[in-house]
């Protein structure tokens, strides 16, 4: 909720001056909020795997998005360029995670490992 509330506050500023005027920390927060809205909250009624989602799967999906944000913030503060954090291959895996079958929740662990590995592998500048 805090991420989405902060996004709402920043949204007006983005409309006035553009996304590029925001500090990189706020741009990362905007990306995390977008992931929460599009990858977690948005549901596809035409896909059986996304029409109904159990609480454990919802929890795992939200945890995945928050794990990305929690790993990316210190990397950004440590000098990792924002564009590298936003272009990780694992971002596609996060976006598609809502399609993981209810009986395959262990797949979330693998994506979480990918997030950590890809962020740690990024060069500092």
N, C-alpha and C. Protein backbone atom coordinates (compact mmCIF):
# COMPACT_ATOMS: atom_id res chain seq x y z
N UNK A 1 0.83 -1.19 0.00
CA UNK A 1 0.00 0.00 0.00
C UNK A 1 0.87 1.25 0.00
N UNK A 2 1.95 1.22 0.74
CA UNK A 2 2.83 2.38 0.81
C UNK A 2 3.42 2.70 -0.56
N UNK A 3 3.81 1.68 -1.29
CA UNK A 3 4.38 1.89 -2.62
C UNK A 3 3.33 2.51 -3.54
N UNK A 4 2.11 1.99 -3.50
CA UNK A 4 1.05 2.53 -4.37
C UNK A 4 0.66 3.95 -3.96
N UNK A 5 0.66 4.24 -2.66
CA UNK A 5 0.35 5.59 -2.20
C UNK A 5 1.43 6.57 -2.65
N UNK A 6 2.68 6.16 -2.53
CA UNK A 6 3.78 7.03 -2.97
C UNK A 6 3.71 7.25 -4.48
N UNK A 7 3.35 6.21 -5.22
CA UNK A 7 3.19 6.35 -6.68
C UNK A 7 2.13 7.39 -6.99
N UNK A 8 1.02 7.36 -6.28
CA UNK A 8 -0.05 8.34 -6.52
C UNK A 8 0.45 9.76 -6.27
N UNK A 9 1.28 9.93 -5.23
CA UNK A 9 1.84 11.25 -4.95
C UNK A 9 2.78 11.70 -6.08
N UNK A 10 3.59 10.78 -6.57
CA UNK A 10 4.56 11.11 -7.61
C UNK A 10 3.93 11.27 -8.99
N UNK A 11 2.78 10.64 -9.17
CA UNK A 11 2.13 10.64 -10.48
C UNK A 11 1.85 12.06 -10.98
N UNK A 12 1.40 12.92 -10.10
CA UNK A 12 1.13 14.31 -10.49
C UNK A 12 2.41 15.00 -10.94
N UNK A 13 3.46 14.78 -10.20
CA UNK A 13 4.75 15.37 -10.55
C UNK A 13 5.24 14.86 -11.90
N UNK A 14 5.06 13.58 -12.15
CA UNK A 14 5.46 12.97 -13.42
C UNK A 14 4.69 13.61 -14.57
N UNK A 15 3.41 13.86 -14.37
CA UNK A 15 2.60 14.50 -15.43
C UNK A 15 3.09 15.92 -15.72
N UNK A 16 3.59 16.60 -14.71
CA UNK A 16 4.04 17.99 -14.90
C UNK A 16 5.43 18.08 -15.51
N UNK A 17 6.38 17.28 -15.01
CA UNK A 17 7.77 17.43 -15.44
C UNK A 17 8.34 16.22 -16.17
N UNK A 18 7.63 15.11 -16.17
CA UNK A 18 8.11 13.91 -16.86
C UNK A 18 8.85 12.98 -15.93
N UNK A 19 8.88 11.72 -16.31
CA UNK A 19 9.50 10.67 -15.50
C UNK A 19 11.00 10.91 -15.34
N UNK A 20 11.65 11.42 -16.36
CA UNK A 20 13.09 11.61 -16.32
C UNK A 20 13.53 12.63 -15.28
N UNK A 21 12.62 13.49 -14.84
CA UNK A 21 12.96 14.50 -13.83
C UNK A 21 12.99 13.92 -12.41
N UNK A 22 12.45 12.74 -12.24
CA UNK A 22 12.44 12.12 -10.91
C UNK A 22 13.81 11.56 -10.57
N UNK A 23 14.15 11.55 -9.29
CA UNK A 23 15.38 10.85 -8.88
C UNK A 23 15.25 9.35 -9.19
N UNK A 24 16.37 8.69 -9.36
CA UNK A 24 16.34 7.26 -9.72
C UNK A 24 15.62 6.43 -8.67
N UNK A 25 15.70 6.81 -7.40
CA UNK A 25 15.01 6.04 -6.36
C UNK A 25 13.50 6.10 -6.56
N UNK A 26 12.99 7.26 -6.95
CA UNK A 26 11.54 7.39 -7.20
C UNK A 26 11.15 6.68 -8.49
N UNK A 27 12.03 6.68 -9.47
CA UNK A 27 11.73 5.96 -10.72
C UNK A 27 11.68 4.45 -10.48
N UNK A 28 12.55 3.96 -9.59
CA UNK A 28 12.50 2.55 -9.23
C UNK A 28 11.20 2.24 -8.49
N UNK A 29 10.80 3.12 -7.59
CA UNK A 29 9.53 2.95 -6.88
C UNK A 29 8.36 2.93 -7.87
N UNK A 30 8.39 3.80 -8.87
CA UNK A 30 7.32 3.82 -9.88
C UNK A 30 7.27 2.49 -10.64
N UNK A 31 8.45 1.91 -10.90
CA UNK A 31 8.49 0.60 -11.57
C UNK A 31 7.89 -0.48 -10.68
N UNK A 32 8.22 -0.45 -9.39
CA UNK A 32 7.67 -1.43 -8.46
C UNK A 32 6.15 -1.29 -8.37
N UNK A 33 5.65 -0.06 -8.33
CA UNK A 33 4.21 0.17 -8.29
C UNK A 33 3.54 -0.35 -9.56
N UNK A 34 4.18 -0.12 -10.69
CA UNK A 34 3.64 -0.62 -11.96
C UNK A 34 3.57 -2.15 -11.94
N UNK A 35 4.59 -2.79 -11.40
CA UNK A 35 4.59 -4.25 -11.31
C UNK A 35 3.47 -4.73 -10.39
N UNK A 36 3.25 -4.03 -9.29
CA UNK A 36 2.17 -4.42 -8.39
C UNK A 36 0.83 -4.30 -9.11
N UNK A 37 0.63 -3.19 -9.80
CA UNK A 37 -0.64 -2.99 -10.50
C UNK A 37 -0.83 -3.98 -11.64
N UNK A 38 0.18 -4.13 -12.51
CA UNK A 38 0.03 -4.93 -13.72
C UNK A 38 0.27 -6.43 -13.51
N UNK A 39 1.21 -6.76 -12.66
CA UNK A 39 1.58 -8.18 -12.50
C UNK A 39 0.87 -8.84 -11.33
N UNK A 40 0.43 -8.05 -10.35
CA UNK A 40 -0.23 -8.62 -9.18
C UNK A 40 -1.73 -8.34 -9.16
N UNK A 41 -2.12 -7.10 -9.29
CA UNK A 41 -3.54 -6.75 -9.15
C UNK A 41 -4.37 -7.04 -10.38
N UNK A 42 -3.79 -6.91 -11.55
CA UNK A 42 -4.54 -7.13 -12.80
C UNK A 42 -4.79 -8.62 -13.01
N UNK A 43 -6.03 -8.97 -13.32
CA UNK A 43 -6.37 -10.37 -13.57
C UNK A 43 -6.94 -10.52 -14.97
N UNK A 44 -6.69 -11.67 -15.57
CA UNK A 44 -7.20 -12.00 -16.89
C UNK A 44 -8.32 -13.02 -16.72
N UNK A 45 -9.55 -12.59 -16.92
CA UNK A 45 -10.70 -13.48 -16.73
C UNK A 45 -10.77 -14.58 -17.78
N UNK A 46 -10.00 -14.45 -18.85
CA UNK A 46 -10.03 -15.45 -19.92
C UNK A 46 -8.96 -16.53 -19.76
N UNK A 47 -8.16 -16.45 -18.73
CA UNK A 47 -7.12 -17.44 -18.47
C UNK A 47 -7.47 -18.17 -17.17
N UNK A 48 -7.66 -19.48 -17.26
CA UNK A 48 -8.06 -20.26 -16.09
C UNK A 48 -7.08 -20.13 -14.93
N UNK A 49 -5.78 -19.96 -15.25
CA UNK A 49 -4.78 -19.86 -14.19
C UNK A 49 -4.84 -18.50 -13.50
N UNK A 50 -5.43 -17.50 -14.14
CA UNK A 50 -5.44 -16.16 -13.57
C UNK A 50 -6.83 -15.73 -13.11
N UNK A 51 -7.87 -16.45 -13.49
CA UNK A 51 -9.22 -16.11 -13.09
C UNK A 51 -9.39 -16.25 -11.58
N UNK A 52 -8.89 -17.33 -11.05
CA UNK A 52 -8.93 -17.56 -9.61
C UNK A 52 -7.50 -17.80 -9.14
N UNK A 53 -7.12 -17.11 -8.10
CA UNK A 53 -5.79 -17.27 -7.53
C UNK A 53 -5.92 -17.47 -6.03
N UNK A 54 -5.33 -18.53 -5.54
CA UNK A 54 -5.40 -18.84 -4.10
C UNK A 54 -4.60 -17.80 -3.30
N UNK A 55 -4.90 -17.72 -2.01
CA UNK A 55 -4.15 -16.81 -1.14
C UNK A 55 -2.66 -17.14 -1.11
N UNK A 56 -2.27 -18.41 -1.02
CA UNK A 56 -0.83 -18.69 -1.04
C UNK A 56 -0.14 -18.21 -2.32
N UNK A 57 -0.79 -18.38 -3.45
CA UNK A 57 -0.21 -17.92 -4.71
C UNK A 57 -0.17 -16.39 -4.76
N UNK A 58 -1.22 -15.73 -4.30
CA UNK A 58 -1.22 -14.27 -4.26
C UNK A 58 -0.07 -13.77 -3.39
N UNK A 59 0.10 -14.40 -2.24
CA UNK A 59 1.17 -14.02 -1.33
C UNK A 59 2.53 -14.18 -2.01
N UNK A 60 2.73 -15.31 -2.69
CA UNK A 60 4.01 -15.58 -3.36
C UNK A 60 4.26 -14.56 -4.48
N UNK A 61 3.23 -14.21 -5.20
CA UNK A 61 3.37 -13.25 -6.30
C UNK A 61 3.74 -11.86 -5.78
N UNK A 62 3.05 -11.41 -4.76
CA UNK A 62 3.36 -10.11 -4.18
C UNK A 62 4.75 -10.12 -3.55
N UNK A 63 5.10 -11.21 -2.90
CA UNK A 63 6.43 -11.34 -2.31
C UNK A 63 7.51 -11.25 -3.38
N UNK A 64 7.25 -11.81 -4.54
CA UNK A 64 8.20 -11.77 -5.65
C UNK A 64 8.46 -10.33 -6.10
N UNK A 65 7.40 -9.57 -6.28
CA UNK A 65 7.53 -8.17 -6.70
C UNK A 65 8.28 -7.38 -5.63
N UNK A 66 7.92 -7.58 -4.38
CA UNK A 66 8.58 -6.86 -3.30
C UNK A 66 10.04 -7.29 -3.14
N UNK A 67 10.32 -8.55 -3.42
CA UNK A 67 11.71 -9.03 -3.37
C UNK A 67 12.55 -8.30 -4.42
N UNK A 68 12.01 -8.14 -5.62
CA UNK A 68 12.73 -7.38 -6.66
C UNK A 68 13.02 -5.97 -6.15
N UNK A 69 12.03 -5.31 -5.62
CA UNK A 69 12.20 -3.94 -5.14
C UNK A 69 13.21 -3.88 -3.99
N UNK A 70 13.11 -4.81 -3.07
CA UNK A 70 14.02 -4.85 -1.92
C UNK A 70 15.47 -5.14 -2.33
N UNK A 71 15.65 -5.91 -3.38
CA UNK A 71 17.01 -6.20 -3.88
C UNK A 71 17.53 -5.06 -4.74
N UNK A 72 16.65 -4.41 -5.48
CA UNK A 72 17.06 -3.36 -6.41
C UNK A 72 17.44 -2.06 -5.70
N UNK A 73 16.75 -1.73 -4.61
CA UNK A 73 17.04 -0.47 -3.91
C UNK A 73 18.49 -0.37 -3.43
N UNK A 74 19.01 -1.36 -2.69
CA UNK A 74 20.41 -1.23 -2.28
C UNK A 74 21.38 -1.27 -3.45
N UNK A 75 21.03 -2.04 -4.50
CA UNK A 75 21.90 -2.08 -5.68
C UNK A 75 21.96 -0.69 -6.32
N UNK A 76 20.82 -0.04 -6.42
CA UNK A 76 20.76 1.31 -6.99
C UNK A 76 21.57 2.27 -6.12
N UNK A 77 21.40 2.19 -4.82
CA UNK A 77 22.15 3.05 -3.89
C UNK A 77 23.65 2.77 -3.97
N UNK A 78 24.01 1.55 -4.31
CA UNK A 78 25.41 1.17 -4.41
C UNK A 78 26.06 1.51 -5.74
N UNK A 79 25.29 2.07 -6.65
CA UNK A 79 25.88 2.50 -7.92
C UNK A 79 25.44 1.74 -9.14
N UNK A 80 24.58 0.76 -9.00
CA UNK A 80 24.08 0.05 -10.18
C UNK A 80 23.16 0.98 -10.97
N UNK A 81 23.37 1.11 -12.26
CA UNK A 81 22.52 2.01 -13.07
C UNK A 81 21.06 1.53 -13.10
N UNK A 82 20.15 2.48 -13.02
CA UNK A 82 18.72 2.16 -13.03
C UNK A 82 18.32 1.42 -14.29
N UNK A 83 18.84 1.85 -15.44
CA UNK A 83 18.44 1.20 -16.69
C UNK A 83 18.80 -0.28 -16.69
N UNK A 84 19.88 -0.66 -16.02
CA UNK A 84 20.26 -2.08 -15.92
C UNK A 84 19.27 -2.84 -15.04
N UNK A 85 18.83 -2.21 -13.95
CA UNK A 85 17.86 -2.85 -13.05
C UNK A 85 16.50 -3.02 -13.72
N UNK A 86 16.15 -2.10 -14.60
CA UNK A 86 14.85 -2.18 -15.28
C UNK A 86 14.87 -3.11 -16.48
N UNK A 87 16.07 -3.48 -16.94
CA UNK A 87 16.18 -4.31 -18.14
C UNK A 87 16.57 -5.76 -17.84
N UNK A 88 16.46 -6.17 -16.60
CA UNK A 88 16.82 -7.54 -16.25
C UNK A 88 15.92 -8.54 -16.97
N UNK A 89 16.49 -9.66 -17.36
CA UNK A 89 15.71 -10.72 -18.01
C UNK A 89 14.63 -11.26 -17.09
N UNK A 90 14.90 -11.25 -15.80
CA UNK A 90 13.96 -11.81 -14.83
C UNK A 90 12.66 -10.99 -14.77
N UNK A 91 12.66 -9.78 -15.28
CA UNK A 91 11.44 -8.96 -15.27
C UNK A 91 10.32 -9.67 -16.04
N UNK A 92 10.66 -10.34 -17.12
CA UNK A 92 9.65 -11.11 -17.87
C UNK A 92 9.13 -12.28 -17.04
N UNK A 93 10.01 -12.91 -16.30
CA UNK A 93 9.59 -14.02 -15.44
C UNK A 93 8.62 -13.54 -14.37
N UNK A 94 8.90 -12.37 -13.81
CA UNK A 94 8.01 -11.80 -12.80
C UNK A 94 6.64 -11.52 -13.42
N UNK A 95 6.64 -10.92 -14.59
CA UNK A 95 5.38 -10.57 -15.26
C UNK A 95 4.55 -11.82 -15.59
N UNK A 96 5.22 -12.92 -15.90
CA UNK A 96 4.51 -14.15 -16.26
C UNK A 96 4.22 -15.05 -15.06
N UNK A 97 4.69 -14.67 -13.89
CA UNK A 97 4.54 -15.52 -12.70
C UNK A 97 3.08 -15.75 -12.32
N UNK A 98 2.20 -14.83 -12.67
CA UNK A 98 0.79 -15.03 -12.34
C UNK A 98 0.21 -16.24 -13.07
N UNK A 99 0.90 -16.70 -14.11
CA UNK A 99 0.42 -17.86 -14.87
C UNK A 99 0.97 -19.19 -14.34
N UNK A 100 1.75 -19.13 -13.28
CA UNK A 100 2.25 -20.37 -12.67
C UNK A 100 1.06 -21.12 -12.08
N UNK A 101 1.03 -22.41 -12.34
CA UNK A 101 -0.07 -23.24 -11.85
C UNK A 101 -0.07 -23.31 -10.33
N UNK A 102 -1.24 -23.47 -9.77
CA UNK A 102 -1.41 -23.54 -8.31
C UNK A 102 -0.59 -24.67 -7.68
N UNK A 103 -0.36 -25.74 -8.43
CA UNK A 103 0.39 -26.86 -7.87
C UNK A 103 1.90 -26.75 -8.14
N UNK A 104 2.34 -25.61 -8.65
CA UNK A 104 3.76 -25.39 -8.97
C UNK A 104 4.32 -24.17 -8.24
N UNK A 105 3.84 -23.89 -7.04
CA UNK A 105 4.25 -22.68 -6.32
C UNK A 105 5.74 -22.65 -6.01
N UNK A 106 6.40 -23.80 -6.05
CA UNK A 106 7.85 -23.82 -5.84
C UNK A 106 8.59 -23.09 -6.95
N UNK A 107 7.93 -22.88 -8.10
CA UNK A 107 8.55 -22.12 -9.20
C UNK A 107 8.85 -20.68 -8.78
N UNK A 108 8.09 -20.17 -7.81
CA UNK A 108 8.35 -18.82 -7.31
C UNK A 108 9.73 -18.73 -6.65
N UNK A 109 10.15 -19.81 -6.00
CA UNK A 109 11.47 -19.83 -5.37
C UNK A 109 12.58 -19.65 -6.41
N UNK A 110 12.41 -20.29 -7.54
CA UNK A 110 13.41 -20.19 -8.62
C UNK A 110 13.47 -18.77 -9.18
N UNK A 111 12.33 -18.16 -9.37
CA UNK A 111 12.31 -16.78 -9.87
C UNK A 111 12.95 -15.85 -8.85
N UNK A 112 12.66 -16.07 -7.59
CA UNK A 112 13.25 -15.25 -6.54
C UNK A 112 14.77 -15.38 -6.55
N UNK A 113 15.28 -16.58 -6.76
CA UNK A 113 16.73 -16.78 -6.87
C UNK A 113 17.28 -16.05 -8.09
N UNK A 114 16.54 -16.10 -9.20
CA UNK A 114 16.98 -15.39 -10.41
C UNK A 114 17.08 -13.89 -10.16
N UNK A 115 16.12 -13.34 -9.45
CA UNK A 115 16.14 -11.91 -9.13
C UNK A 115 17.43 -11.57 -8.40
N UNK A 116 17.70 -12.31 -7.34
CA UNK A 116 18.89 -12.05 -6.52
C UNK A 116 20.16 -12.22 -7.34
N UNK A 117 20.26 -13.29 -8.10
CA UNK A 117 21.45 -13.56 -8.90
C UNK A 117 21.68 -12.49 -9.96
N UNK A 118 20.62 -12.11 -10.68
CA UNK A 118 20.79 -11.12 -11.75
C UNK A 118 21.17 -9.75 -11.20
N UNK A 119 20.58 -9.37 -10.09
CA UNK A 119 20.92 -8.06 -9.51
C UNK A 119 22.35 -8.06 -8.99
N UNK A 120 22.75 -9.13 -8.35
CA UNK A 120 24.13 -9.19 -7.82
C UNK A 120 25.16 -9.25 -8.95
N UNK A 121 24.79 -9.74 -10.11
CA UNK A 121 25.70 -9.84 -11.24
C UNK A 121 25.87 -8.54 -12.00
N UNK A 122 25.04 -7.55 -11.72
CA UNK A 122 25.12 -6.28 -12.44
C UNK A 122 26.37 -5.50 -12.04
N UNK A 123 27.00 -4.86 -13.01
CA UNK A 123 28.19 -4.06 -12.70
C UNK A 123 27.80 -2.73 -12.05
N UNK A 124 28.68 -2.24 -11.21
CA UNK A 124 28.51 -0.92 -10.61
C UNK A 124 29.15 0.12 -11.53
N UNK A 125 28.60 1.29 -11.53
CA UNK A 125 29.20 2.37 -12.34
C UNK A 125 29.41 3.59 -11.50
